[in-house]
Amino acid sequence: MTASLLPDEKELLLRLQGGDHAAFDRFYQTYSRRIFINAVKLVKNEDEAQDILQETFIRVWNSRENIDLAKPFQSYLFTVAQNLIRDFFRKAAHNRKLEAELIRTGTALYDHIESKIQDKESAILLQQAIAKLPLQRQRIFTLCKIEGKSYDEVASIMGISVSTVGNQLVKATRTVKEYLYDTESGMAILAAWFLVQL
């Protein structure tokens, strides 16, 4: 049986099932680094690993009422992360042709990234995408992705937990990507975004 890193795990799980954010943050602080390190080793990309980490805890939160208290939470958590990593590789295989095309055009595109991002039309389009977000996500996205602040810095600035910053950033990033996918100029920004890892 997998030993728990938390002596009061059962109590925390009961609180988590009841929607206790402090209990959720305790689990996040205890297990997030290990999940992130394992994900990086497998997917070889820190941004993708961060997305997997945040999605893992989003799923845990959304399914908290169904967690089996009789089984080790750590095993459950790592199974969720493992399934997301499998999904990542399935998606990567499916998008292999697109990835190859991005690699082929990547060098030429990189030379024009700075001018494209600074281009007035592109800047307006990106701001329009950000404006689609709820106010909290707008601020989190701007602080993290545009200003380059760390999760800890943003959490301190906004007075929220680090896990909330991560969860909201994942959702905000998805919304912005979906908006940019809808336009030709947006696709250029999106490709540049992936290459420079804003």
N, C-alpha and C. Protein backbone atom coordinates (compact mmCIF):
# COMPACT_ATOMS: atom_id res chain seq x y z
N MET A 1 0.85 -1.19 0.00
CA MET A 1 0.00 0.00 0.00
C MET A 1 0.88 1.24 0.00
N THR A 2 0.51 2.27 -0.77
CA THR A 2 1.28 3.50 -0.85
C THR A 2 1.08 4.32 0.42
N ALA A 3 2.18 4.70 1.05
CA ALA A 3 2.09 5.48 2.29
C ALA A 3 1.71 6.92 1.97
N SER A 4 0.82 7.47 2.77
CA SER A 4 0.42 8.85 2.58
C SER A 4 1.48 9.79 3.13
N LEU A 5 1.65 10.94 2.47
CA LEU A 5 2.56 11.97 2.96
C LEU A 5 1.88 12.86 3.99
N LEU A 6 0.59 12.65 4.19
CA LEU A 6 -0.19 13.47 5.11
C LEU A 6 -0.79 12.59 6.21
N PRO A 7 -0.38 12.78 7.44
CA PRO A 7 -0.92 11.95 8.53
C PRO A 7 -2.41 12.16 8.76
N ASP A 8 -2.92 13.35 8.41
CA ASP A 8 -4.34 13.65 8.58
C ASP A 8 -5.09 13.57 7.26
N GLU A 9 -4.67 12.65 6.39
CA GLU A 9 -5.23 12.58 5.04
C GLU A 9 -6.74 12.36 5.04
N LYS A 10 -7.23 11.41 5.85
CA LYS A 10 -8.67 11.11 5.86
C LYS A 10 -9.49 12.35 6.21
N GLU A 11 -9.02 13.07 7.21
CA GLU A 11 -9.73 14.29 7.62
C GLU A 11 -9.72 15.32 6.49
N LEU A 12 -8.57 15.46 5.84
CA LEU A 12 -8.45 16.42 4.73
C LEU A 12 -9.34 16.01 3.57
N LEU A 13 -9.43 14.71 3.30
CA LEU A 13 -10.28 14.24 2.21
C LEU A 13 -11.75 14.54 2.49
N LEU A 14 -12.16 14.36 3.73
CA LEU A 14 -13.55 14.69 4.10
C LEU A 14 -13.82 16.17 3.90
N ARG A 15 -12.85 16.99 4.28
CA ARG A 15 -13.00 18.44 4.08
C ARG A 15 -13.00 18.79 2.61
N LEU A 16 -12.14 18.12 1.84
CA LEU A 16 -12.10 18.35 0.40
C LEU A 16 -13.43 18.00 -0.24
N GLN A 17 -14.01 16.88 0.15
CA GLN A 17 -15.30 16.47 -0.40
C GLN A 17 -16.38 17.50 -0.10
N GLY A 18 -16.21 18.21 1.00
CA GLY A 18 -17.17 19.24 1.37
C GLY A 18 -16.90 20.59 0.72
N GLY A 19 -15.87 20.64 -0.14
CA GLY A 19 -15.57 21.89 -0.85
C GLY A 19 -14.62 22.82 -0.12
N ASP A 20 -13.83 22.29 0.78
CA ASP A 20 -12.89 23.10 1.57
C ASP A 20 -11.65 23.43 0.72
N HIS A 21 -11.48 24.71 0.40
CA HIS A 21 -10.36 25.14 -0.44
C HIS A 21 -9.02 24.99 0.29
N ALA A 22 -9.02 25.17 1.59
CA ALA A 22 -7.77 25.04 2.35
C ALA A 22 -7.26 23.60 2.28
N ALA A 23 -8.17 22.64 2.36
CA ALA A 23 -7.78 21.23 2.24
C ALA A 23 -7.23 20.95 0.84
N PHE A 24 -7.89 21.52 -0.16
CA PHE A 24 -7.42 21.35 -1.54
C PHE A 24 -6.01 21.91 -1.69
N ASP A 25 -5.78 23.10 -1.15
CA ASP A 25 -4.45 23.71 -1.24
C ASP A 25 -3.40 22.87 -0.52
N ARG A 26 -3.79 22.22 0.57
CA ARG A 26 -2.85 21.36 1.30
C ARG A 26 -2.40 20.19 0.43
N PHE A 27 -3.35 19.57 -0.26
CA PHE A 27 -3.00 18.47 -1.16
C PHE A 27 -2.13 18.99 -2.31
N TYR A 28 -2.48 20.17 -2.81
CA TYR A 28 -1.70 20.74 -3.92
C TYR A 28 -0.26 20.98 -3.49
N GLN A 29 -0.08 21.60 -2.35
CA GLN A 29 1.27 21.90 -1.86
C GLN A 29 2.07 20.63 -1.59
N THR A 30 1.38 19.56 -1.18
CA THR A 30 2.07 18.31 -0.83
C THR A 30 2.50 17.53 -2.06
N TYR A 31 1.64 17.49 -3.09
CA TYR A 31 1.89 16.57 -4.20
C TYR A 31 2.24 17.24 -5.54
N SER A 32 2.04 18.54 -5.66
CA SER A 32 2.18 19.18 -6.97
C SER A 32 3.60 19.08 -7.54
N ARG A 33 4.61 19.27 -6.69
CA ARG A 33 5.99 19.24 -7.20
C ARG A 33 6.34 17.86 -7.75
N ARG A 34 5.94 16.80 -7.05
CA ARG A 34 6.26 15.45 -7.50
C ARG A 34 5.58 15.15 -8.84
N ILE A 35 4.31 15.55 -8.96
CA ILE A 35 3.60 15.32 -10.21
C ILE A 35 4.25 16.10 -11.34
N PHE A 36 4.62 17.35 -11.07
CA PHE A 36 5.24 18.19 -12.09
C PHE A 36 6.57 17.59 -12.57
N ILE A 37 7.41 17.18 -11.63
CA ILE A 37 8.72 16.60 -11.99
C ILE A 37 8.54 15.35 -12.84
N ASN A 38 7.62 14.48 -12.44
CA ASN A 38 7.38 13.25 -13.21
C ASN A 38 6.85 13.57 -14.60
N ALA A 39 5.97 14.57 -14.69
CA ALA A 39 5.40 14.95 -15.99
C ALA A 39 6.48 15.51 -16.91
N VAL A 40 7.37 16.34 -16.36
CA VAL A 40 8.46 16.91 -17.17
C VAL A 40 9.35 15.80 -17.73
N LYS A 41 9.65 14.81 -16.91
CA LYS A 41 10.49 13.70 -17.36
C LYS A 41 9.86 12.97 -18.54
N LEU A 42 8.54 12.89 -18.55
CA LEU A 42 7.85 12.12 -19.58
C LEU A 42 7.56 12.95 -20.83
N VAL A 43 7.05 14.17 -20.66
CA VAL A 43 6.63 14.95 -21.84
C VAL A 43 7.74 15.87 -22.35
N LYS A 44 8.80 16.04 -21.56
CA LYS A 44 9.99 16.81 -21.98
C LYS A 44 9.69 18.28 -22.26
N ASN A 45 8.68 18.82 -21.60
CA ASN A 45 8.31 20.22 -21.83
C ASN A 45 7.67 20.76 -20.56
N GLU A 46 8.26 21.81 -19.98
CA GLU A 46 7.77 22.30 -18.69
C GLU A 46 6.39 22.93 -18.80
N ASP A 47 6.11 23.63 -19.91
CA ASP A 47 4.78 24.24 -20.07
C ASP A 47 3.70 23.18 -20.15
N GLU A 48 3.96 22.12 -20.93
CA GLU A 48 2.98 21.04 -21.04
C GLU A 48 2.82 20.33 -19.69
N ALA A 49 3.94 20.15 -19.00
CA ALA A 49 3.89 19.51 -17.69
C ALA A 49 3.08 20.35 -16.70
N GLN A 50 3.23 21.67 -16.79
CA GLN A 50 2.45 22.56 -15.92
C GLN A 50 0.96 22.45 -16.23
N ASP A 51 0.62 22.37 -17.51
CA ASP A 51 -0.78 22.20 -17.90
C ASP A 51 -1.34 20.88 -17.35
N ILE A 52 -0.54 19.82 -17.45
CA ILE A 52 -0.97 18.51 -16.93
C ILE A 52 -1.18 18.58 -15.43
N LEU A 53 -0.27 19.24 -14.73
CA LEU A 53 -0.39 19.39 -13.28
C LEU A 53 -1.69 20.11 -12.92
N GLN A 54 -1.93 21.25 -13.57
CA GLN A 54 -3.13 22.03 -13.24
C GLN A 54 -4.40 21.27 -13.59
N GLU A 55 -4.41 20.59 -14.74
CA GLU A 55 -5.59 19.83 -15.14
C GLU A 55 -5.83 18.66 -14.17
N THR A 56 -4.76 18.09 -13.65
CA THR A 56 -4.90 17.01 -12.66
C THR A 56 -5.70 17.49 -11.46
N PHE A 57 -5.32 18.65 -10.94
CA PHE A 57 -6.00 19.15 -9.74
C PHE A 57 -7.38 19.72 -10.05
N ILE A 58 -7.57 20.22 -11.27
CA ILE A 58 -8.91 20.64 -11.67
C ILE A 58 -9.85 19.44 -11.65
N ARG A 59 -9.39 18.32 -12.18
CA ARG A 59 -10.22 17.11 -12.21
C ARG A 59 -10.46 16.57 -10.81
N VAL A 60 -9.45 16.65 -9.97
CA VAL A 60 -9.63 16.21 -8.58
C VAL A 60 -10.71 17.06 -7.91
N TRP A 61 -10.63 18.36 -8.10
CA TRP A 61 -11.62 19.25 -7.49
C TRP A 61 -13.02 18.97 -8.02
N ASN A 62 -13.13 18.82 -9.33
CA ASN A 62 -14.45 18.60 -9.94
C ASN A 62 -15.05 17.25 -9.54
N SER A 63 -14.19 16.29 -9.21
CA SER A 63 -14.66 14.94 -8.86
C SER A 63 -14.51 14.64 -7.37
N ARG A 64 -14.31 15.68 -6.58
CA ARG A 64 -13.97 15.49 -5.16
C ARG A 64 -15.01 14.67 -4.40
N GLU A 65 -16.28 14.81 -4.75
CA GLU A 65 -17.33 14.10 -4.01
C GLU A 65 -17.29 12.59 -4.26
N ASN A 66 -16.61 12.17 -5.33
CA ASN A 66 -16.57 10.74 -5.68
C ASN A 66 -15.27 10.06 -5.26
N ILE A 67 -14.39 10.77 -4.57
CA ILE A 67 -13.12 10.18 -4.15
C ILE A 67 -13.38 9.07 -3.12
N ASP A 68 -12.74 7.93 -3.33
CA ASP A 68 -12.90 6.78 -2.44
C ASP A 68 -11.99 6.96 -1.22
N LEU A 69 -12.59 7.18 -0.07
CA LEU A 69 -11.81 7.43 1.15
C LEU A 69 -11.06 6.19 1.62
N ALA A 70 -11.45 5.03 1.13
CA ALA A 70 -10.81 3.78 1.58
C ALA A 70 -9.50 3.51 0.84
N LYS A 71 -9.24 4.27 -0.22
CA LYS A 71 -8.04 4.05 -1.01
C LYS A 71 -7.07 5.22 -0.83
N PRO A 72 -5.76 4.98 -0.97
CA PRO A 72 -4.77 6.06 -0.81
C PRO A 72 -5.01 7.17 -1.83
N PHE A 73 -5.09 8.40 -1.34
CA PHE A 73 -5.33 9.53 -2.23
C PHE A 73 -4.18 9.71 -3.22
N GLN A 74 -2.95 9.45 -2.76
CA GLN A 74 -1.79 9.61 -3.62
C GLN A 74 -1.90 8.73 -4.87
N SER A 75 -2.35 7.50 -4.70
CA SER A 75 -2.50 6.59 -5.85
C SER A 75 -3.55 7.11 -6.81
N TYR A 76 -4.65 7.61 -6.25
CA TYR A 76 -5.72 8.18 -7.08
C TYR A 76 -5.20 9.38 -7.87
N LEU A 77 -4.49 10.26 -7.17
CA LEU A 77 -3.98 11.48 -7.79
C LEU A 77 -3.01 11.15 -8.92
N PHE A 78 -2.09 10.22 -8.69
CA PHE A 78 -1.10 9.87 -9.70
C PHE A 78 -1.75 9.16 -10.89
N THR A 79 -2.85 8.44 -10.64
CA THR A 79 -3.57 7.80 -11.75
C THR A 79 -4.20 8.85 -12.65
N VAL A 80 -4.77 9.89 -12.05
CA VAL A 80 -5.34 10.99 -12.84
C VAL A 80 -4.26 11.63 -13.70
N ALA A 81 -3.10 11.92 -13.10
CA ALA A 81 -2.00 12.53 -13.84
C ALA A 81 -1.50 11.61 -14.95
N GLN A 82 -1.40 10.32 -14.65
CA GLN A 82 -0.93 9.35 -15.64
C GLN A 82 -1.87 9.30 -16.85
N ASN A 83 -3.16 9.35 -16.60
CA ASN A 83 -4.13 9.33 -17.70
C ASN A 83 -4.01 10.58 -18.56
N LEU A 84 -3.75 11.72 -17.94
CA LEU A 84 -3.58 12.96 -18.69
C LEU A 84 -2.31 12.91 -19.54
N ILE A 85 -1.26 12.30 -19.02
CA ILE A 85 -0.03 12.15 -19.79
C ILE A 85 -0.26 11.25 -20.99
N ARG A 86 -1.04 10.18 -20.82
CA ARG A 86 -1.39 9.32 -21.95
C ARG A 86 -2.16 10.12 -23.00
N ASP A 87 -3.09 10.95 -22.54
CA ASP A 87 -3.87 11.78 -23.46
C ASP A 87 -2.95 12.73 -24.23
N PHE A 88 -1.94 13.25 -23.53
CA PHE A 88 -0.99 14.16 -24.18
C PHE A 88 -0.28 13.47 -25.34
N PHE A 89 0.18 12.24 -25.12
CA PHE A 89 0.90 11.53 -26.17
C PHE A 89 -0.03 11.13 -27.32
N ARG A 90 -1.28 10.80 -27.01
CA ARG A 90 -2.24 10.50 -28.08
C ARG A 90 -2.46 11.74 -28.95
N LYS A 91 -2.62 12.88 -28.30
CA LYS A 91 -2.84 14.13 -29.03
C LYS A 91 -1.60 14.50 -29.85
N ALA A 92 -0.42 14.30 -29.26
CA ALA A 92 0.82 14.61 -29.96
C ALA A 92 0.96 13.77 -31.22
N ALA A 93 0.60 12.50 -31.13
CA ALA A 93 0.68 11.61 -32.29
C ALA A 93 -0.32 12.05 -33.36
N HIS A 94 -1.50 12.46 -32.91
CA HIS A 94 -2.55 12.89 -33.85
C HIS A 94 -2.14 14.16 -34.58
N ASN A 95 -1.41 15.03 -33.87
CA ASN A 95 -1.03 16.32 -34.45
C ASN A 95 0.39 16.32 -35.02
N ARG A 96 0.93 15.14 -35.28
CA ARG A 96 2.32 15.06 -35.73
C ARG A 96 2.57 15.85 -37.03
N LYS A 97 1.62 15.80 -37.95
CA LYS A 97 1.79 16.53 -39.20
C LYS A 97 1.84 18.04 -38.95
N LEU A 98 0.96 18.52 -38.07
CA LEU A 98 0.98 19.94 -37.76
C LEU A 98 2.28 20.33 -37.08
N GLU A 99 2.75 19.49 -36.16
CA GLU A 99 4.00 19.77 -35.47
C GLU A 99 5.17 19.82 -36.45
N ALA A 100 5.18 18.91 -37.41
CA ALA A 100 6.25 18.88 -38.41
C ALA A 100 6.25 20.17 -39.23
N GLU A 101 5.05 20.65 -39.55
CA GLU A 101 4.94 21.88 -40.33
C GLU A 101 5.43 23.08 -39.51
N LEU A 102 5.10 23.11 -38.24
CA LEU A 102 5.57 24.20 -37.39
C LEU A 102 7.09 24.19 -37.27
N ILE A 103 7.67 23.00 -37.16
CA ILE A 103 9.13 22.89 -37.09
C ILE A 103 9.76 23.38 -38.40
N ARG A 104 9.14 22.99 -39.53
CA ARG A 104 9.68 23.37 -40.84
C ARG A 104 9.69 24.88 -41.02
N THR A 105 8.63 25.53 -40.56
CA THR A 105 8.52 26.97 -40.75
C THR A 105 9.00 27.76 -39.54
N GLY A 106 9.41 27.03 -38.49
CA GLY A 106 9.75 27.69 -37.23
C GLY A 106 10.87 28.70 -37.33
N THR A 107 11.94 28.37 -38.05
CA THR A 107 13.10 29.27 -38.13
C THR A 107 12.73 30.59 -38.77
N ALA A 108 12.01 30.50 -39.90
CA ALA A 108 11.60 31.72 -40.59
C ALA A 108 10.64 32.53 -39.73
N LEU A 109 9.72 31.83 -39.07
CA LEU A 109 8.74 32.53 -38.25
C LEU A 109 9.40 33.21 -37.06
N TYR A 110 10.39 32.55 -36.48
CA TYR A 110 11.06 33.11 -35.30
C TYR A 110 11.66 34.48 -35.61
N ASP A 111 12.20 34.65 -36.82
CA ASP A 111 12.81 35.92 -37.20
C ASP A 111 11.81 37.06 -37.21
N HIS A 112 10.53 36.72 -37.33
CA HIS A 112 9.51 37.76 -37.43
C HIS A 112 8.61 37.84 -36.20
N ILE A 113 8.93 37.07 -35.18
CA ILE A 113 8.06 37.03 -34.00
C ILE A 113 7.93 38.41 -33.36
N GLU A 114 9.06 39.07 -33.12
CA GLU A 114 9.03 40.33 -32.41
C GLU A 114 8.20 41.37 -33.14
N SER A 115 8.39 41.46 -34.48
CA SER A 115 7.63 42.45 -35.24
C SER A 115 6.15 42.11 -35.28
N LYS A 116 5.82 40.81 -35.34
CA LYS A 116 4.41 40.41 -35.37
C LYS A 116 3.72 40.74 -34.05
N ILE A 117 4.39 40.44 -32.95
CA ILE A 117 3.80 40.69 -31.65
C ILE A 117 3.61 42.18 -31.43
N GLN A 118 4.54 42.99 -31.96
CA GLN A 118 4.46 44.43 -31.77
C GLN A 118 3.55 45.10 -32.80
N ASP A 119 3.21 44.38 -33.83
CA ASP A 119 2.32 44.92 -34.85
C ASP A 119 0.99 45.34 -34.23
N LYS A 120 0.51 46.51 -34.61
CA LYS A 120 -0.69 47.07 -33.98
C LYS A 120 -1.89 46.15 -34.12
N GLU A 121 -2.10 45.60 -35.31
CA GLU A 121 -3.26 44.74 -35.53
C GLU A 121 -3.19 43.49 -34.66
N SER A 122 -2.01 42.90 -34.56
CA SER A 122 -1.85 41.70 -33.76
C SER A 122 -2.06 42.00 -32.28
N ALA A 123 -1.54 43.15 -31.84
CA ALA A 123 -1.70 43.53 -30.44
C ALA A 123 -3.17 43.73 -30.09
N ILE A 124 -3.90 44.36 -31.02
CA ILE A 124 -5.34 44.58 -30.80
C ILE A 124 -6.06 43.26 -30.72
N LEU A 125 -5.72 42.33 -31.62
CA LEU A 125 -6.37 41.03 -31.64
C LEU A 125 -6.13 40.27 -30.34
N LEU A 126 -4.90 40.32 -29.85
CA LEU A 126 -4.58 39.65 -28.60
C LEU A 126 -5.36 40.27 -27.44
N GLN A 127 -5.46 41.60 -27.44
CA GLN A 127 -6.21 42.27 -26.38
C GLN A 127 -7.70 41.91 -26.45
N GLN A 128 -8.21 41.75 -27.67
CA GLN A 128 -9.60 41.35 -27.82
C GLN A 128 -9.83 39.96 -27.22
N ALA A 129 -8.86 39.07 -27.45
CA ALA A 129 -8.96 37.72 -26.90
C ALA A 129 -8.95 37.77 -25.37
N ILE A 130 -8.05 38.57 -24.81
CA ILE A 130 -7.96 38.69 -23.36
C ILE A 130 -9.24 39.29 -22.78
N ALA A 131 -9.84 40.24 -23.53
CA ALA A 131 -11.06 40.90 -23.06
C ALA A 131 -12.25 39.95 -22.95
N LYS A 132 -12.16 38.79 -23.61
CA LYS A 132 -13.24 37.80 -23.53
C LYS A 132 -13.25 37.07 -22.18
N LEU A 133 -12.18 37.22 -21.43
CA LEU A 133 -12.04 36.50 -20.17
C LEU A 133 -12.76 37.21 -19.04
N PRO A 134 -13.20 36.46 -18.02
CA PRO A 134 -13.68 37.10 -16.78
C PRO A 134 -12.55 37.95 -16.19
N LEU A 135 -12.92 38.94 -15.40
CA LEU A 135 -11.94 39.92 -14.92
C LEU A 135 -10.76 39.28 -14.18
N GLN A 136 -11.04 38.29 -13.32
CA GLN A 136 -9.94 37.66 -12.58
C GLN A 136 -8.98 36.96 -13.52
N ARG A 137 -9.52 36.25 -14.52
CA ARG A 137 -8.65 35.54 -15.47
C ARG A 137 -7.88 36.52 -16.35
N GLN A 138 -8.52 37.66 -16.70
CA GLN A 138 -7.80 38.69 -17.47
C GLN A 138 -6.54 39.11 -16.73
N ARG A 139 -6.71 39.39 -15.45
CA ARG A 139 -5.57 39.89 -14.68
C ARG A 139 -4.50 38.82 -14.50
N ILE A 140 -4.94 37.59 -14.21
CA ILE A 140 -3.98 36.49 -14.03
C ILE A 140 -3.22 36.24 -15.33
N PHE A 141 -3.95 36.20 -16.46
CA PHE A 141 -3.31 35.96 -17.76
C PHE A 141 -2.30 37.06 -18.07
N THR A 142 -2.70 38.31 -17.86
CA THR A 142 -1.81 39.44 -18.16
C THR A 142 -0.56 39.41 -17.29
N LEU A 143 -0.74 39.17 -16.01
CA LEU A 143 0.41 39.14 -15.10
C LEU A 143 1.37 37.99 -15.42
N CYS A 144 0.80 36.80 -15.70
CA CYS A 144 1.65 35.63 -15.94
C CYS A 144 2.23 35.60 -17.35
N LYS A 145 1.35 35.73 -18.35
CA LYS A 145 1.77 35.52 -19.74
C LYS A 145 2.38 36.76 -20.39
N ILE A 146 1.86 37.94 -20.05
CA ILE A 146 2.35 39.17 -20.68
C ILE A 146 3.50 39.78 -19.88
N GLU A 147 3.31 39.87 -18.56
CA GLU A 147 4.33 40.50 -17.72
C GLU A 147 5.37 39.51 -17.20
N GLY A 148 5.11 38.21 -17.37
CA GLY A 148 6.09 37.20 -17.01
C GLY A 148 6.29 36.97 -15.52
N LYS A 149 5.28 37.29 -14.74
CA LYS A 149 5.40 37.09 -13.29
C LYS A 149 5.18 35.62 -12.94
N SER A 150 5.77 35.19 -11.84
CA SER A 150 5.63 33.80 -11.38
C SER A 150 4.27 33.60 -10.72
N TYR A 151 3.89 32.33 -10.56
CA TYR A 151 2.63 32.02 -9.88
C TYR A 151 2.63 32.60 -8.46
N ASP A 152 3.76 32.48 -7.77
CA ASP A 152 3.85 32.98 -6.40
C ASP A 152 3.65 34.49 -6.36
N GLU A 153 4.25 35.20 -7.31
CA GLU A 153 4.12 36.66 -7.36
C GLU A 153 2.68 37.07 -7.60
N VAL A 154 2.03 36.39 -8.55
CA VAL A 154 0.64 36.72 -8.88
C VAL A 154 -0.28 36.41 -7.70
N ALA A 155 -0.04 35.28 -7.05
CA ALA A 155 -0.85 34.92 -5.88
C ALA A 155 -0.73 35.98 -4.80
N SER A 156 0.48 36.50 -4.59
CA SER A 156 0.71 37.54 -3.58
C SER A 156 0.03 38.85 -3.98
N ILE A 157 0.15 39.22 -5.25
CA ILE A 157 -0.45 40.47 -5.74
C ILE A 157 -1.96 40.45 -5.61
N MET A 158 -2.57 39.31 -5.95
CA MET A 158 -4.03 39.22 -6.01
C MET A 158 -4.65 38.68 -4.72
N GLY A 159 -3.82 38.22 -3.80
CA GLY A 159 -4.36 37.71 -2.55
C GLY A 159 -5.12 36.40 -2.69
N ILE A 160 -4.64 35.54 -3.60
CA ILE A 160 -5.28 34.24 -3.81
C ILE A 160 -4.21 33.15 -3.71
N SER A 161 -4.64 31.90 -3.71
CA SER A 161 -3.69 30.80 -3.58
C SER A 161 -2.97 30.53 -4.90
N VAL A 162 -1.80 29.90 -4.81
CA VAL A 162 -1.03 29.55 -5.99
C VAL A 162 -1.81 28.57 -6.87
N SER A 163 -2.51 27.65 -6.25
CA SER A 163 -3.29 26.68 -7.04
C SER A 163 -4.41 27.36 -7.81
N THR A 164 -5.02 28.40 -7.23
CA THR A 164 -6.06 29.15 -7.94
C THR A 164 -5.46 29.86 -9.14
N VAL A 165 -4.28 30.44 -8.97
CA VAL A 165 -3.60 31.09 -10.10
C VAL A 165 -3.41 30.09 -11.23
N GLY A 166 -2.88 28.91 -10.90
CA GLY A 166 -2.64 27.89 -11.93
C GLY A 166 -3.90 27.44 -12.61
N ASN A 167 -4.94 27.14 -11.83
CA ASN A 167 -6.20 26.66 -12.40
C ASN A 167 -6.82 27.69 -13.33
N GLN A 168 -6.85 28.96 -12.89
CA GLN A 168 -7.46 30.01 -13.69
C GLN A 168 -6.64 30.32 -14.94
N LEU A 169 -5.31 30.20 -14.83
CA LEU A 169 -4.45 30.47 -15.98
C LEU A 169 -4.66 29.43 -17.07
N VAL A 170 -4.81 28.16 -16.69
CA VAL A 170 -5.07 27.11 -17.67
C VAL A 170 -6.36 27.41 -18.44
N LYS A 171 -7.41 27.78 -17.72
CA LYS A 171 -8.70 28.07 -18.36
C LYS A 171 -8.60 29.32 -19.24
N ALA A 172 -7.90 30.35 -18.76
CA ALA A 172 -7.74 31.58 -19.53
C ALA A 172 -6.96 31.32 -20.82
N THR A 173 -5.90 30.54 -20.72
CA THR A 173 -5.07 30.24 -21.89
C THR A 173 -5.87 29.50 -22.94
N ARG A 174 -6.71 28.57 -22.53
CA ARG A 174 -7.53 27.83 -23.48
C ARG A 174 -8.47 28.77 -24.23
N THR A 175 -9.10 29.70 -23.50
CA THR A 175 -10.03 30.64 -24.12
C THR A 175 -9.32 31.52 -25.14
N VAL A 176 -8.14 32.02 -24.77
CA VAL A 176 -7.38 32.88 -25.68
C VAL A 176 -6.96 32.11 -26.93
N LYS A 177 -6.48 30.88 -26.75
CA LYS A 177 -6.07 30.07 -27.90
C LYS A 177 -7.24 29.81 -28.84
N GLU A 178 -8.40 29.49 -28.27
CA GLU A 178 -9.58 29.22 -29.10
C GLU A 178 -9.97 30.46 -29.90
N TYR A 179 -9.87 31.64 -29.28
CA TYR A 179 -10.20 32.88 -29.98
C TYR A 179 -9.22 33.14 -31.12
N LEU A 180 -7.94 32.94 -30.86
CA LEU A 180 -6.93 33.20 -31.88
C LEU A 180 -7.00 32.21 -33.03
N TYR A 181 -7.44 30.98 -32.75
CA TYR A 181 -7.56 29.97 -33.80
C TYR A 181 -8.54 30.41 -34.90
N ASP A 182 -9.47 31.30 -34.56
CA ASP A 182 -10.53 31.67 -35.48
C ASP A 182 -10.10 32.67 -36.55
N THR A 183 -8.90 33.24 -36.44
CA THR A 183 -8.46 34.22 -37.43
C THR A 183 -7.07 33.88 -37.95
N GLU A 184 -6.79 34.31 -39.16
CA GLU A 184 -5.48 34.04 -39.77
C GLU A 184 -4.38 34.75 -39.00
N SER A 185 -4.62 36.03 -38.64
CA SER A 185 -3.63 36.77 -37.87
C SER A 185 -3.44 36.15 -36.50
N GLY A 186 -4.55 35.67 -35.95
CA GLY A 186 -4.48 35.03 -34.65
C GLY A 186 -3.63 33.78 -34.68
N MET A 187 -3.68 33.02 -35.76
CA MET A 187 -2.86 31.82 -35.89
C MET A 187 -1.38 32.18 -35.88
N ALA A 188 -1.03 33.32 -36.49
CA ALA A 188 0.37 33.75 -36.49
C ALA A 188 0.83 34.08 -35.07
N ILE A 189 -0.04 34.77 -34.33
CA ILE A 189 0.28 35.09 -32.95
C ILE A 189 0.43 33.82 -32.14
N LEU A 190 -0.50 32.88 -32.37
CA LEU A 190 -0.50 31.63 -31.61
C LEU A 190 0.77 30.83 -31.87
N ALA A 191 1.18 30.75 -33.11
CA ALA A 191 2.40 30.02 -33.44
C ALA A 191 3.61 30.69 -32.80
N ALA A 192 3.64 32.03 -32.86
CA ALA A 192 4.73 32.77 -32.23
C ALA A 192 4.74 32.55 -30.73
N TRP A 193 3.55 32.51 -30.18
CA TRP A 193 3.39 32.32 -28.75
C TRP A 193 4.01 31.00 -28.30
N PHE A 194 3.73 29.92 -29.07
CA PHE A 194 4.29 28.62 -28.72
C PHE A 194 5.81 28.64 -28.81
N LEU A 195 6.35 29.34 -29.80
CA LEU A 195 7.79 29.31 -30.02
C LEU A 195 8.57 30.07 -28.96
N VAL A 196 8.02 31.21 -28.53
CA VAL A 196 8.73 31.99 -27.52
C VAL A 196 8.27 31.66 -26.11
N GLN A 197 7.19 30.85 -25.97
CA GLN A 197 6.67 30.43 -24.67
C GLN A 197 6.40 31.63 -23.79
N LEU A 198 5.46 32.50 -24.26
CA LEU A 198 5.10 33.69 -23.50
C LEU A 198 4.68 33.32 -22.08
